[in-house]
C-alpha atoms as a PDB file:
ATOM      1  CA  MET A   1     170.391  31.427 148.220  1.00  0.00           C
ATOM      2  CA  LYS A   2     168.457  28.170 148.596  1.00  0.00           C
ATOM      3  CA  GLU A   3     167.186  26.851 151.824  1.00  0.00           C
ATOM      4  CA  GLY A   4     169.482  24.389 153.518  1.00  0.00           C
ATOM      5  CA  GLU A   5     172.561  25.003 151.464  1.00  0.00           C
ATOM      6  CA  ILE A   6     176.105  26.347 152.236  1.00  0.00           C
ATOM      7  CA  PHE A   7     176.403  29.369 149.793  1.00  0.00           C
ATOM      8  CA  GLY A   8     179.743  31.074 149.357  1.00  0.00           C
ATOM      9  CA  LEU A   9     180.407  34.758 148.464  1.00  0.00           C
ATOM     10  CA  LEU A  10     183.888  34.991 146.806  1.00  0.00           C
ATOM     11  CA  GLY A  11     185.741  37.961 145.733  1.00  0.00           C
ATOM     12  CA  PRO A  12     188.884  40.018 146.001  1.00  0.00           C
ATOM     13  CA  ASN A  13     189.338  42.612 148.664  1.00  0.00           C
ATOM     14  CA  GLY A  14     186.966  45.463 148.212  1.00  0.00           C
ATOM     15  CA  ALA A  15     184.460  43.524 146.119  1.00  0.00           C
ATOM     16  CA  GLY A  16     181.502  44.079 148.337  1.00  0.00           C
ATOM     17  CA  LYS A  17     181.297  40.839 150.128  1.00  0.00           C
ATOM     18  CA  SER A  18     181.241  41.946 153.734  1.00  0.00           C
ATOM     19  CA  THR A  19     179.029  44.989 152.760  1.00  0.00           C
ATOM     20  CA  THR A  20     176.497  42.713 151.134  1.00  0.00           C
ATOM     21  CA  LEU A  21     176.314  40.553 154.368  1.00  0.00           C
ATOM     22  CA  GLU A  22     175.957  43.577 156.590  1.00  0.00           C
ATOM     23  CA  ILE A  23     173.013  44.914 154.439  1.00  0.00           C
ATOM     24  CA  ILE A  24     171.323  41.493 154.529  1.00  0.00           C
ATOM     25  CA  GLU A  25     171.994  41.311 158.269  1.00  0.00           C
ATOM     26  CA  THR A  26     170.061  44.755 158.555  1.00  0.00           C
ATOM     27  CA  LEU A  27     173.380  46.309 159.830  1.00  0.00           C
ATOM     28  CA  ARG A  28     173.952  48.640 156.968  1.00  0.00           C
ATOM     29  CA  SER A  29     171.348  50.604 154.723  1.00  0.00           C
ATOM     30  CA  LYS A  30     171.358  49.531 151.127  1.00  0.00           C
ATOM     31  CA  THR A  31     171.293  52.058 148.226  1.00  0.00           C
ATOM     32  CA  SER A  32     169.342  50.097 145.708  1.00  0.00           C
ATOM     33  CA  GLY A  33     167.912  46.706 144.841  1.00  0.00           C
ATOM     34  CA  GLU A  34     165.588  44.435 146.729  1.00  0.00           C
ATOM     35  CA  ILE A  35     166.296  41.950 149.511  1.00  0.00           C
ATOM     36  CA  VAL A  36     164.157  39.123 150.675  1.00  0.00           C
ATOM     37  CA  VAL A  37     165.028  36.655 153.462  1.00  0.00           C
ATOM     38  CA  ASP A  38     162.727  33.685 153.972  1.00  0.00           C
ATOM     39  CA  GLY A  39     159.823  35.748 152.479  1.00  0.00           C
ATOM     40  CA  PHE A  40     160.498  38.706 154.464  1.00  0.00           C
ATOM     41  CA  ASP A  41     161.257  42.090 152.657  1.00  0.00           C
ATOM     42  CA  LEU A  42     164.177  44.047 154.202  1.00  0.00           C
ATOM     43  CA  ASP A  43     162.539  47.472 153.475  1.00  0.00           C
ATOM     44  CA  LYS A  44     159.261  46.433 155.157  1.00  0.00           C
ATOM     45  CA  GLN A  45     160.039  43.623 157.714  1.00  0.00           C
ATOM     46  CA  PRO A  46     163.590  44.140 159.006  1.00  0.00           C
ATOM     47  CA  GLY A  47     162.565  43.151 162.540  1.00  0.00           C
ATOM     48  CA  GLU A  48     161.289  39.785 161.153  1.00  0.00           C
ATOM     49  CA  ILE A  49     164.628  39.131 159.386  1.00  0.00           C
ATOM     50  CA  LYS A  50     166.517  39.822 162.562  1.00  0.00           C
ATOM     51  CA  LYS A  51     164.456  37.015 164.304  1.00  0.00           C
ATOM     52  CA  ILE A  52     165.478  34.338 161.923  1.00  0.00           C
ATOM     53  CA  ILE A  53     169.215  35.135 161.304  1.00  0.00           C
ATOM     54  CA  GLY A  54     172.371  34.411 163.224  1.00  0.00           C
ATOM     55  CA  VAL A  55     175.215  36.852 162.835  1.00  0.00           C
ATOM     56  CA  GLN A  56     178.870  35.927 163.768  1.00  0.00           C
ATOM     57  CA  LEU A  57     180.167  38.431 166.296  1.00  0.00           C
ATOM     58  CA  GLN A  58     183.852  39.668 166.391  1.00  0.00           C
ATOM     59  CA  THR A  59     185.651  38.389 169.370  1.00  0.00           C
ATOM     60  CA  SER A  60     186.334  42.025 170.405  1.00  0.00           C
ATOM     61  CA  GLY A  61     182.591  42.504 171.087  1.00  0.00           C
ATOM     62  CA  TYR A  62     182.445  40.203 173.993  1.00  0.00           C
ATOM     63  CA  TYR A  63     182.314  41.360 177.541  1.00  0.00           C
ATOM     64  CA  PRO A  64     185.869  40.520 178.815  1.00  0.00           C
ATOM     65  CA  GLY A  65     184.852  39.700 182.575  1.00  0.00           C
ATOM     66  CA  LEU A  66     182.246  36.986 181.583  1.00  0.00           C
ATOM     67  CA  ASN A  67     183.000  33.284 180.876  1.00  0.00           C
ATOM     68  CA  LEU A  68     181.655  31.329 177.955  1.00  0.00           C
ATOM     69  CA  ILE A  69     178.536  30.092 179.787  1.00  0.00           C
ATOM     70  CA  GLN A  70     177.778  33.541 181.109  1.00  0.00           C
ATOM     71  CA  LEU A  71     178.112  35.135 177.609  1.00  0.00           C
ATOM     72  CA  ILE A  72     175.689  32.567 176.065  1.00  0.00           C
ATOM     73  CA  GLU A  73     173.237  33.240 179.026  1.00  0.00           C
ATOM     74  CA  LEU A  74     173.669  36.980 178.335  1.00  0.00           C
ATOM     75  CA  PHE A  75     172.888  36.611 174.568  1.00  0.00           C
ATOM     76  CA  SER A  76     170.079  34.261 175.203  1.00  0.00           C
ATOM     77  CA  GLY A  77     168.482  36.884 177.397  1.00  0.00           C
ATOM     78  CA  LEU A  78     168.910  39.527 174.610  1.00  0.00           C
ATOM     79  CA  TYR A  79     167.198  37.184 172.166  1.00  0.00           C
ATOM     80  CA  ASN A  80     164.634  36.221 174.730  1.00  0.00           C
ATOM     81  CA  ARG A  81     165.437  32.623 174.226  1.00  0.00           C
ATOM     82  CA  GLU A  82     166.182  29.641 176.356  1.00  0.00           C
ATOM     83  CA  ALA A  83     169.443  28.239 175.409  1.00  0.00           C
ATOM     84  CA  ASP A  84     171.482  25.414 176.975  1.00  0.00           C
ATOM     85  CA  PRO A  85     175.045  26.809 177.100  1.00  0.00           C
ATOM     86  CA  MET A  86     176.625  23.446 177.778  1.00  0.00           C
ATOM     87  CA  GLU A  87     174.844  21.886 174.823  1.00  0.00           C
ATOM     88  CA  LEU A  88     176.111  24.723 172.550  1.00  0.00           C
ATOM     89  CA  LEU A  89     179.553  24.482 173.759  1.00  0.00           C
ATOM     90  CA  ASP A  90     179.553  20.790 173.376  1.00  0.00           C
ATOM     91  CA  MET A  91     178.602  21.043 169.709  1.00  0.00           C
ATOM     92  CA  VAL A  92     181.530  23.244 169.025  1.00  0.00           C
ATOM     93  CA  ASN A  93     183.987  21.170 171.170  1.00  0.00           C
ATOM     94  CA  LEU A  94     184.387  23.736 173.839  1.00  0.00           C
ATOM     95  CA  LYS A  95     182.735  22.104 176.832  1.00  0.00           C
ATOM     96  CA  ASP A  96     186.051  21.987 178.838  1.00  0.00           C
ATOM     97  CA  LYS A  97     186.443  25.707 178.254  1.00  0.00           C
ATOM     98  CA  ALA A  98     182.925  26.607 179.747  1.00  0.00           C
ATOM     99  CA  LYS A  99     184.305  28.692 182.624  1.00  0.00           C
ATOM    100  CA  SER A 100     187.036  30.427 180.397  1.00  0.00           C
ATOM    101  CA  GLN A 101     186.941  33.892 179.301  1.00  0.00           C
ATOM    102  CA  VAL A 102     187.234  34.552 175.588  1.00  0.00           C
ATOM    103  CA  LYS A 103     190.569  36.169 175.932  1.00  0.00           C
ATOM    104  CA  GLU A 104     191.948  32.739 177.308  1.00  0.00           C
ATOM    105  CA  LEU A 105     190.964  30.876 174.195  1.00  0.00           C
ATOM    106  CA  SER A 106     193.362  30.012 171.206  1.00  0.00           C
ATOM    107  CA  GLY A 107     192.364  31.409 167.757  1.00  0.00           C
ATOM    108  CA  GLY A 108     190.447  28.314 166.609  1.00  0.00           C
ATOM    109  CA  GLN A 109     188.583  28.041 169.913  1.00  0.00           C
ATOM    110  CA  LYS A 110     187.577  31.751 169.634  1.00  0.00           C
ATOM    111  CA  GLN A 111     186.148  31.159 166.083  1.00  0.00           C
ATOM    112  CA  ARG A 112     184.291  28.052 167.197  1.00  0.00           C
ATOM    113  CA  PHE A 113     182.577  30.113 170.113  1.00  0.00           C
ATOM    114  CA  SER A 114     181.824  32.820 167.674  1.00  0.00           C
ATOM    115  CA  VAL A 115     180.072  30.356 165.530  1.00  0.00           C
ATOM    116  CA  ALA A 116     178.270  29.024 168.657  1.00  0.00           C
ATOM    117  CA  THR A 117     176.796  32.440 169.341  1.00  0.00           C
ATOM    118  CA  THR A 118     175.155  32.558 165.797  1.00  0.00           C
ATOM    119  CA  LEU A 119     172.990  29.518 166.918  1.00  0.00           C
ATOM    120  CA  ILE A 120     171.610  30.748 170.147  1.00  0.00           C
ATOM    121  CA  ASN A 121     168.316  32.084 168.690  1.00  0.00           C
ATOM    122  CA  GLU A 122     168.038  28.839 166.595  1.00  0.00           C
ATOM    123  CA  PRO A 123     168.133  30.749 163.294  1.00  0.00           C
ATOM    124  CA  ARG A 124     167.060  29.605 159.964  1.00  0.00           C
ATOM    125  CA  VAL A 125     170.154  31.410 158.256  1.00  0.00           C
ATOM    126  CA  ILE A 126     173.576  32.107 159.719  1.00  0.00           C
ATOM    127  CA  PHE A 127     176.276  34.458 158.223  1.00  0.00           C
ATOM    128  CA  LEU A 128     179.917  33.694 158.640  1.00  0.00           C
ATOM    129  CA  ASP A 129     182.335  36.322 157.409  1.00  0.00           C
ATOM    130  CA  GLU A 130     185.793  34.777 156.679  1.00  0.00           C
ATOM    131  CA  PRO A 131     185.530  32.335 159.642  1.00  0.00           C
ATOM    132  CA  THR A 132     188.712  30.752 159.134  1.00  0.00           C
ATOM    133  CA  THR A 133     191.050  33.549 158.580  1.00  0.00           C
ATOM    134  CA  GLY A 134     194.319  33.158 160.633  1.00  0.00           C
ATOM    135  CA  LEU A 135     193.599  29.512 161.699  1.00  0.00           C
ATOM    136  CA  ASP A 136     196.097  26.836 161.338  1.00  0.00           C
ATOM    137  CA  PRO A 137     195.270  23.873 159.013  1.00  0.00           C
ATOM    138  CA  GLN A 138     193.909  21.670 161.810  1.00  0.00           C
ATOM    139  CA  ALA A 139     191.707  24.306 163.260  1.00  0.00           C
ATOM    140  CA  ARG A 140     190.600  25.411 159.740  1.00  0.00           C
ATOM    141  CA  ARG A 141     189.408  21.911 158.739  1.00  0.00           C
ATOM    142  CA  ASN A 142     187.763  21.276 162.133  1.00  0.00           C
ATOM    143  CA  LEU A 143     185.658  24.497 161.621  1.00  0.00           C
ATOM    144  CA  TRP A 144     184.802  23.162 158.211  1.00  0.00           C
ATOM    145  CA  GLU A 145     183.305  20.069 159.764  1.00  0.00           C
ATOM    146  CA  LEU A 146     181.376  22.307 162.176  1.00  0.00           C
ATOM    147  CA  VAL A 147     179.856  24.395 159.422  1.00  0.00           C
ATOM    148  CA  LYS A 148     178.750  21.079 157.686  1.00  0.00           C
ATOM    149  CA  GLN A 149     177.279  19.898 160.947  1.00  0.00           C
ATOM    150  CA  ILE A 150     175.246  23.071 161.287  1.00  0.00           C
ATOM    151  CA  ARG A 151     173.969  22.611 157.684  1.00  0.00           C
ATOM    152  CA  SER A 152     172.931  19.097 158.474  1.00  0.00           C
ATOM    153  CA  ARG A 153     170.489  20.480 161.150  1.00  0.00           C
ATOM    154  CA  GLY A 154     168.627  22.350 158.237  1.00  0.00           C
ATOM    155  CA  THR A 155     170.296  25.752 158.717  1.00  0.00           C
ATOM    156  CA  THR A 156     171.211  27.714 155.636  1.00  0.00           C
ATOM    157  CA  VAL A 157     174.885  29.002 155.918  1.00  0.00           C
ATOM    158  CA  ILE A 158     176.105  32.084 154.006  1.00  0.00           C
ATOM    159  CA  ILE A 159     179.976  32.277 154.103  1.00  0.00           C
ATOM    160  CA  THR A 160     182.478  34.613 152.656  1.00  0.00           C
ATOM    161  CA  THR A 161     186.130  33.410 152.232  1.00  0.00           C
ATOM    162  CA  HIS A 162     189.285  34.191 150.400  1.00  0.00           C
ATOM    163  CA  TYR A 163     190.143  30.444 150.421  1.00  0.00           C
ATOM    164  CA  MET A 164     189.230  28.768 147.206  1.00  0.00           C
ATOM    165  CA  ASP A 165     189.751  25.241 148.690  1.00  0.00           C
ATOM    166  CA  GLU A 166     187.373  26.029 151.544  1.00  0.00           C
ATOM    167  CA  ALA A 167     184.641  27.176 149.085  1.00  0.00           C
ATOM    168  CA  GLU A 168     185.324  24.136 146.913  1.00  0.00           C
ATOM    169  CA  TYR A 169     184.970  21.797 149.990  1.00  0.00           C
ATOM    170  CA  LEU A 170     182.134  23.540 151.732  1.00  0.00           C
ATOM    171  CA  CYS A 171     179.883  25.288 149.396  1.00  0.00           C
ATOM    172  CA  ASP A 172     176.842  23.885 147.411  1.00  0.00           C
ATOM    173  CA  ARG A 173     176.949  27.025 145.344  1.00  0.00           C
ATOM    174  CA  VAL A 174     179.008  30.115 145.093  1.00  0.00           C
ATOM    175  CA  ALA A 175     178.766  33.618 143.777  1.00  0.00           C
ATOM    176  CA  ILE A 176     181.853  35.421 142.593  1.00  0.00           C
ATOM    177  CA  ILE A 177     181.570  39.037 143.184  1.00  0.00           C
ATOM    178  CA  ASP A 178     183.759  41.843 141.644  1.00  0.00           C
ATOM    179  CA  THR A 179     183.241  45.641 142.035  1.00  0.00           C
ATOM    180  CA  GLY A 180     179.825  44.977 143.767  1.00  0.00           C
ATOM    181  CA  LYS A 181     178.381  42.800 140.847  1.00  0.00           C
ATOM    182  CA  ILE A 182     178.028  39.002 140.525  1.00  0.00           C
ATOM    183  CA  VAL A 183     180.196  37.945 137.714  1.00  0.00           C
ATOM    184  CA  ALA A 184     179.463  34.155 138.226  1.00  0.00           C
ATOM    185  CA  LEU A 185     176.917  31.964 140.067  1.00  0.00           C
ATOM    186  CA  ASP A 186     177.039  28.138 140.032  1.00  0.00           C
ATOM    187  CA  THR A 187     178.207  25.147 141.979  1.00  0.00           C
ATOM    188  CA  PRO A 188     181.999  24.945 142.361  1.00  0.00           C
ATOM    189  CA  ASP A 189     182.171  21.989 140.066  1.00  0.00           C
ATOM    190  CA  GLY A 190     179.943  23.734 137.533  1.00  0.00           C
ATOM    191  CA  LEU A 191     182.210  26.743 137.512  1.00  0.00           C
ATOM    192  CA  ILE A 192     185.364  24.630 137.045  1.00  0.00           C
ATOM    193  CA  ASP A 193     183.784  22.593 134.330  1.00  0.00           C
ATOM    194  CA  LYS A 194     182.839  25.643 132.440  1.00  0.00           C
ATOM    195  CA  LEU A 195     186.466  26.958 132.693  1.00  0.00           C
ATOM    196  CA  VAL A 196     187.852  23.756 131.365  1.00  0.00           C
ATOM    197  CA  ALA A 197     185.292  23.497 128.650  1.00  0.00           C
ATOM    198  CA  GLY A 198     186.430  27.004 127.409  1.00  0.00           C
ATOM    199  CA  GLY A 199     189.958  25.625 126.797  1.00  0.00           C
ATOM    200  CA  PHE A 200     191.582  26.499 130.073  1.00  0.00           C
ATOM    201  CA  GLU A 201     194.639  24.524 130.882  1.00  0.00           C
ATOM    202  CA  ARG A 202     196.804  24.589 134.110  1.00  0.00           C
ATOM    203  CA  PRO A 203     200.488  25.633 133.391  1.00  0.00           C
ATOM    204  CA  LYS A 204     201.574  22.908 135.763  1.00  0.00           C
ATOM    205  CA  GLU A 205     200.161  19.362 136.498  1.00  0.00           C
ATOM    206  CA  MET A 206     198.441  19.111 139.840  1.00  0.00           C
ATOM    207  CA  LYS A 207     199.359  16.611 142.248  1.00  0.00           C
ATOM    208  CA  LEU A 208     196.752  14.399 144.020  1.00  0.00           C
ATOM    209  CA  ALA A 209     197.455  16.058 147.234  1.00  0.00           C
ATOM    210  CA  ASN A 210     198.844  19.486 148.415  1.00  0.00           C
ATOM    211  CA  LEU A 211     201.153  20.531 151.369  1.00  0.00           C
ATOM    212  CA  GLU A 212     198.227  21.073 153.667  1.00  0.00           C
ATOM    213  CA  ASP A 213     197.123  17.522 153.138  1.00  0.00           C
ATOM    214  CA  VAL A 214     200.715  16.494 154.044  1.00  0.00           C
ATOM    215  CA  PHE A 215     200.583  18.613 157.264  1.00  0.00           C
ATOM    216  CA  ILE A 216     197.260  17.250 158.284  1.00  0.00           C
ATOM    217  CA  HIS A 217     198.466  13.679 157.713  1.00  0.00           C
ATOM    218  CA  LEU A 218     201.682  14.010 159.666  1.00  0.00           C
ATOM    219  CA  THR A 219     200.237  15.994 162.642  1.00  0.00           C
ATOM    220  CA  GLY A 220     196.852  14.516 162.882  1.00  0.00           C
ATOM    221  CA  HIS A 221     193.362  15.795 162.506  1.00  0.00           C
ATOM    222  CA  SER A 222     192.624  16.194 166.155  1.00  0.00           C
ATOM    223  CA  LEU A 223     192.569  19.753 167.690  1.00  0.00           C
ATOM    224  CA  ARG A 224     195.822  20.559 169.752  1.00  0.00           C
ATOM    225  CA  GLU A 225     195.248  24.107 170.908  1.00  0.00           C
ATOM    226  CA  ASP A 226     196.883  25.812 173.855  1.00  0.00           C
END
């Protein structure tokens, strides 16, 4: 991965995407190979890697009795960092939910809060594992813009996804993984151009818009969450 890019890991279920992330995040032991993050060798300096990465937590991992402000303050203490909870919540459009508990949030709000927690220690690299799974089209596209906003701050984003439109819109480069091996690595446009150059033709002519575009156009881009 290059500094300051959104890099996508794509692959079918069981291909090794989440396992790869967990190894880089120092959460799982690797069996072979070499991993270097921002110049730090995973085998020799795992503690240094932990300091510069942000890992998306599953919503089930939050203390149920704490509100969003308290959770951010708790994680800030664990990181030994000074973080402004309201500034982080404002960035992910959750300022009005500051006193709410995670269980009271909608699916999209939970995912945005989860992304906010990755930013508490001002990481150089954040990892997002299928962050838009289960979200409606409005919430999904809103999260896309949040990820781009994070990248614009200079943070490198590593993302796994099953949604090819998501990867095509967000990612500067993607690696397609199958059975634990990288079978292709390029920009989305580069991979598409190679396929077309090889004689590939769609069996059906593609329209200029899809059904999701219709949905967004008719219902609006603004978030409408309970």
